[in-house]
């Protein structure tokens, strides 16, 4: 393979040379020794293990919401991959998450929420990220978009309120980290995801963060890349995929 082939084929771990590709593939091969490899959701679990350096983290990942095929665990991954193929906008809560989203394998515009809603934050005293989410929602920015939150629990809480009031992102990836409101905010995302069918990928516990959120978003892009090249079929539910062994 040439470097151009790597650029086109491998979009999620940043490998663009033979040595880097070998390292990336070896790393993921090790991860697959400890994780299932049957469904699209399993690919996200694998990426969470790789990102966190923790085999047990796979058991903390949660998949909620539904798509046209139903409410199985693959639904958020299928929805996210389809959104990538449709060149949907990707919104992140902060700059660090935006920086972690790969620029390869897609034509989506990637934007950060932070920086919007400054006046609202000043007037109300709410966090800048919460104000940013509310301000962008007024512009219908999140409709059919991929929304990724890796740092700010208040951004996730604000987004949950927006969903409750009618906003429908294509998929939400919410992995804010911390000891204050982080776990609560992810639970709130799961709550509205299940109630309104909005596909979401979250996790349980206090860990998480920008790197995890970006990595899981990158896996949606990688799944889309595989669908674009007919390596996988997005029209299979998780049960059929596992039975057919058609994860890859």
Protein backbone atom coordinates (compact mmCIF):
# COMPACT_ATOMS: atom_id res chain seq x y z
CA UNK A 1 0.00 0.00 0.00
CA UNK A 2 1.03 3.57 -0.63
CA UNK A 3 0.59 6.37 1.89
CA UNK A 4 -2.39 7.50 -0.17
CA UNK A 5 -4.00 4.08 0.28
CA UNK A 6 -3.55 4.38 4.03
CA UNK A 7 -5.08 7.84 3.96
CA UNK A 8 -8.17 6.52 2.19
CA UNK A 9 -8.51 3.23 4.03
CA UNK A 10 -7.68 3.89 7.66
CA UNK A 11 -9.35 6.90 9.16
CA UNK A 12 -9.70 6.19 12.86
CA UNK A 13 -6.26 5.82 14.47
CA UNK A 14 -4.36 8.35 12.40
CA UNK A 15 -2.01 5.87 10.71
CA UNK A 16 -0.56 7.10 7.42
CA UNK A 17 2.70 5.11 7.12
CA UNK A 18 3.53 1.40 7.09
CA UNK A 19 5.04 1.50 10.59
CA UNK A 20 2.11 3.42 12.02
CA UNK A 21 -0.36 1.09 10.33
CA UNK A 22 1.40 -1.95 11.79
CA UNK A 23 1.23 -0.45 15.29
CA UNK A 24 -2.44 0.47 14.94
CA UNK A 25 -3.45 -2.94 13.60
CA UNK A 26 -1.45 -4.79 16.25
CA UNK A 27 -3.01 -2.69 18.99
CA UNK A 28 -6.54 -3.39 17.79
CA UNK A 29 -5.75 -7.10 17.34
CA UNK A 30 -4.77 -7.22 21.01
CA UNK A 31 -7.98 -5.45 22.00
CA UNK A 32 -10.05 -7.98 20.05
CA UNK A 33 -8.56 -10.79 22.10
CA UNK A 34 -10.47 -9.43 25.07
CA UNK A 35 -13.64 -8.05 23.47
CA UNK A 36 -16.46 -9.44 21.33
CA UNK A 37 -16.25 -8.83 17.60
CA UNK A 38 -19.70 -9.64 16.26
CA UNK A 39 -21.68 -6.42 16.05
CA UNK A 40 -21.16 -2.75 15.23
CA UNK A 41 -21.66 -2.03 18.92
CA UNK A 42 -18.73 -4.35 19.59
CA UNK A 43 -16.57 -2.12 17.44
CA UNK A 44 -17.45 0.81 19.69
CA UNK A 45 -16.69 -1.30 22.77
CA UNK A 46 -13.31 -2.17 21.26
CA UNK A 47 -12.59 1.47 20.59
CA UNK A 48 -13.50 2.37 24.17
CA UNK A 49 -11.04 -0.23 25.47
CA UNK A 50 -8.33 1.06 23.16
CA UNK A 51 -9.00 4.67 24.10
CA UNK A 52 -9.15 4.08 27.86
CA UNK A 53 -6.46 1.39 28.06
CA UNK A 54 -8.87 -0.64 30.17
CA UNK A 55 -10.34 -4.00 29.12
CA UNK A 56 -13.18 -3.73 31.63
CA UNK A 57 -14.38 -0.42 30.22
CA UNK A 58 -16.24 -2.28 27.46
CA UNK A 59 -18.85 -3.29 30.03
CA UNK A 60 -19.65 0.35 30.84
CA UNK A 61 -20.66 1.41 27.32
CA UNK A 62 -24.41 1.95 26.81
CA UNK A 63 -26.39 2.05 23.54
CA UNK A 64 -29.87 3.57 23.53
CA UNK A 65 -32.42 4.89 21.04
CA UNK A 66 -33.49 3.47 17.72
CA UNK A 67 -33.29 3.78 13.95
CA UNK A 68 -35.35 2.40 11.06
CA UNK A 69 -34.25 -1.16 11.88
CA UNK A 70 -35.21 -0.97 15.54
CA UNK A 71 -33.81 -0.38 19.00
CA UNK A 72 -31.01 -2.96 19.07
CA UNK A 73 -27.55 -2.04 20.34
CA UNK A 74 -26.24 -1.33 16.84
CA UNK A 75 -28.86 1.39 16.20
CA UNK A 76 -26.72 4.36 17.36
CA UNK A 77 -23.75 3.11 15.35
CA UNK A 78 -25.81 2.63 12.21
CA UNK A 79 -27.42 6.05 12.68
CA UNK A 80 -24.05 7.70 13.21
CA UNK A 81 -22.49 6.02 10.19
CA UNK A 82 -25.43 7.01 7.99
CA UNK A 83 -25.11 10.59 9.22
CA UNK A 84 -21.44 10.57 8.25
CA UNK A 85 -22.33 9.24 4.81
CA UNK A 86 -24.93 12.01 4.51
CA UNK A 87 -22.21 14.57 5.40
CA UNK A 88 -24.06 15.70 8.49
CA UNK A 89 -22.51 18.35 10.71
CA UNK A 90 -20.52 17.20 13.72
CA UNK A 91 -20.75 19.41 16.80
CA UNK A 92 -18.50 18.99 19.83
CA UNK A 93 -18.81 20.66 23.19
CA UNK A 94 -15.23 21.96 23.44
CA UNK A 95 -12.10 22.51 21.37
CA UNK A 96 -10.27 19.43 22.68
CA UNK A 97 -12.96 17.06 21.43
CA UNK A 98 -13.05 18.81 18.06
CA UNK A 99 -9.28 18.41 17.76
CA UNK A 100 -9.62 14.66 18.35
CA UNK A 101 -12.15 14.05 15.58
CA UNK A 102 -10.34 12.80 12.49
CA UNK A 103 -10.38 14.96 9.39
CA UNK A 104 -10.15 11.92 7.12
CA UNK A 105 -12.76 9.50 5.85
CA UNK A 106 -15.61 12.00 5.74
CA UNK A 107 -16.81 15.35 4.40
CA UNK A 108 -18.66 16.45 7.53
CA UNK A 109 -18.10 19.93 8.90
CA UNK A 110 -16.77 19.66 12.46
CA UNK A 111 -17.57 22.60 14.76
CA UNK A 112 -17.26 23.31 18.48
CA UNK A 113 -20.13 24.69 20.52
CA UNK A 114 -17.99 26.62 23.01
CA UNK A 115 -17.81 30.25 22.00
CA UNK A 116 -21.49 30.52 21.16
CA UNK A 117 -24.00 31.93 23.62
CA UNK A 118 -21.61 34.26 25.42
CA UNK A 119 -24.32 36.81 26.15
CA UNK A 120 -26.67 34.12 27.47
CA UNK A 121 -23.97 32.82 29.80
CA UNK A 122 -23.22 36.33 31.07
CA UNK A 123 -26.90 37.13 31.62
CA UNK A 124 -27.89 33.90 33.36
CA UNK A 125 -24.69 32.71 35.00
CA UNK A 126 -25.00 29.28 33.41
CA UNK A 127 -21.87 27.58 32.11
CA UNK A 128 -20.50 28.65 28.76
CA UNK A 129 -21.01 25.17 27.31
CA UNK A 130 -24.64 24.96 28.42
CA UNK A 131 -25.31 28.42 26.98
CA UNK A 132 -23.56 27.41 23.77
CA UNK A 133 -25.76 24.34 23.36
CA UNK A 134 -28.93 26.34 23.93
CA UNK A 135 -27.83 29.10 21.56
CA UNK A 136 -27.00 26.63 18.76
CA UNK A 137 -30.24 24.80 19.33
CA UNK A 138 -32.14 28.02 18.63
CA UNK A 139 -30.58 27.84 15.15
CA UNK A 140 -31.65 24.19 14.71
CA UNK A 141 -27.95 23.36 14.44
CA UNK A 142 -28.31 19.95 16.07
CA UNK A 143 -31.14 18.69 13.89
CA UNK A 144 -29.89 15.51 12.12
CA UNK A 145 -26.35 16.28 13.32
CA UNK A 146 -23.80 14.20 15.21
CA UNK A 147 -23.43 15.79 18.63
CA UNK A 148 -20.38 14.76 20.67
CA UNK A 149 -19.86 15.80 24.28
CA UNK A 150 -16.64 14.77 25.98
CA UNK A 151 -16.00 17.31 28.69
CA UNK A 152 -18.95 19.32 29.95
CA UNK A 153 -21.79 17.65 31.90
CA UNK A 154 -23.81 20.86 31.70
CA UNK A 155 -23.62 20.67 27.90
CA UNK A 156 -25.09 17.16 28.04
CA UNK A 157 -27.83 18.30 30.41
CA UNK A 158 -28.67 21.23 28.14
CA UNK A 159 -28.76 18.96 25.09
CA UNK A 160 -31.08 16.58 26.92
CA UNK A 161 -33.45 19.48 27.57
CA UNK A 162 -33.30 20.40 23.87
CA UNK A 163 -34.17 16.83 22.88
CA UNK A 164 -37.05 16.84 25.33
CA UNK A 165 -38.33 19.98 23.63
CA UNK A 166 -38.19 18.45 20.14
CA UNK A 167 -34.61 18.57 18.84
CA UNK A 168 -33.61 15.38 17.02
CA UNK A 169 -29.88 14.83 16.46
CA UNK A 170 -28.90 11.92 14.22
CA UNK A 171 -26.88 10.52 17.11
CA UNK A 172 -25.46 11.71 20.42
CA UNK A 173 -22.07 10.60 21.72
CA UNK A 174 -21.94 11.74 25.35
CA UNK A 175 -18.94 10.90 27.54
CA UNK A 176 -18.40 13.87 29.88
CA UNK A 177 -15.98 13.09 32.69
CA UNK A 178 -15.81 14.11 36.32
CA UNK A 179 -17.30 13.90 39.78
CA UNK A 180 -19.94 16.63 39.53
CA UNK A 181 -22.99 15.98 37.34
CA UNK A 182 -21.04 13.87 34.82
CA UNK A 183 -22.73 10.54 35.53
CA UNK A 184 -26.03 12.30 36.09
CA UNK A 185 -25.77 14.06 32.72
CA UNK A 186 -25.13 10.81 30.86
CA UNK A 187 -28.07 9.23 32.62
CA UNK A 188 -30.21 12.15 31.50
CA UNK A 189 -29.08 11.63 27.90
CA UNK A 190 -30.03 7.95 28.15
CA UNK A 191 -33.39 8.91 29.59
CA UNK A 192 -34.38 11.19 26.69
CA UNK A 193 -32.74 8.86 24.19
CA UNK A 194 -34.97 6.00 25.27
CA UNK A 195 -38.07 8.15 25.59
CA UNK A 196 -37.78 9.88 22.22
CA UNK A 197 -35.82 7.28 20.25
CA UNK A 198 -32.77 9.48 19.66
CA UNK A 199 -29.75 7.19 19.15
CA UNK A 200 -27.08 7.70 21.80
CA UNK A 201 -23.80 6.21 22.96
CA UNK A 202 -22.91 6.87 26.59
CA UNK A 203 -21.18 5.05 29.44
CA UNK A 204 -21.58 4.53 33.16
CA UNK A 205 -19.26 5.65 35.93
CA UNK A 206 -17.07 8.69 36.56
CA UNK A 207 -14.50 8.14 33.83
CA UNK A 208 -14.70 9.26 30.21
CA UNK A 209 -13.52 12.49 28.68
CA UNK A 210 -12.60 14.21 25.44
CA UNK A 211 -10.34 11.46 24.16
CA UNK A 212 -13.01 8.80 24.58
CA UNK A 213 -15.73 10.92 22.97
CA UNK A 214 -13.53 11.73 19.99
CA UNK A 215 -12.48 8.08 19.63
CA UNK A 216 -16.07 6.83 19.59
CA UNK A 217 -17.02 9.49 17.05
CA UNK A 218 -14.07 8.40 14.93
CA UNK A 219 -15.37 4.85 15.04
CA UNK A 220 -18.66 6.04 13.57
CA UNK A 221 -16.60 7.56 10.76
CA UNK A 222 -14.67 4.32 10.34
CA UNK A 223 -17.90 2.31 10.15
CA UNK A 224 -19.15 4.75 7.51
CA UNK A 225 -15.91 4.25 5.57
CA UNK A 226 -16.42 0.48 5.64
CA UNK A 227 -20.03 0.90 4.50
CA UNK A 228 -18.95 3.19 1.67
CA UNK A 229 -16.57 0.51 0.39
CA UNK A 230 -19.19 -2.26 0.85
CA UNK A 231 -17.18 -3.98 3.57
CA UNK A 232 -20.21 -3.87 5.84
CA UNK A 233 -23.97 -3.59 5.32
CA UNK A 234 -25.75 -0.98 7.42
CA UNK A 235 -29.09 -2.63 6.70
CA UNK A 236 -28.47 -5.50 9.12
CA UNK A 237 -29.59 -5.45 12.75
CA UNK A 238 -27.23 -6.62 15.47
CA UNK A 239 -28.75 -10.09 15.77
CA UNK A 240 -28.50 -10.77 12.04
CA UNK A 241 -24.99 -9.34 11.86
CA UNK A 242 -23.79 -11.53 14.73
CA UNK A 243 -25.40 -14.62 13.20
CA UNK A 244 -23.89 -13.92 9.79
CA UNK A 245 -20.50 -12.91 11.14
CA UNK A 246 -20.64 -9.74 9.05
CA UNK A 247 -19.14 -7.20 11.46
CA UNK A 248 -16.24 -6.66 9.08
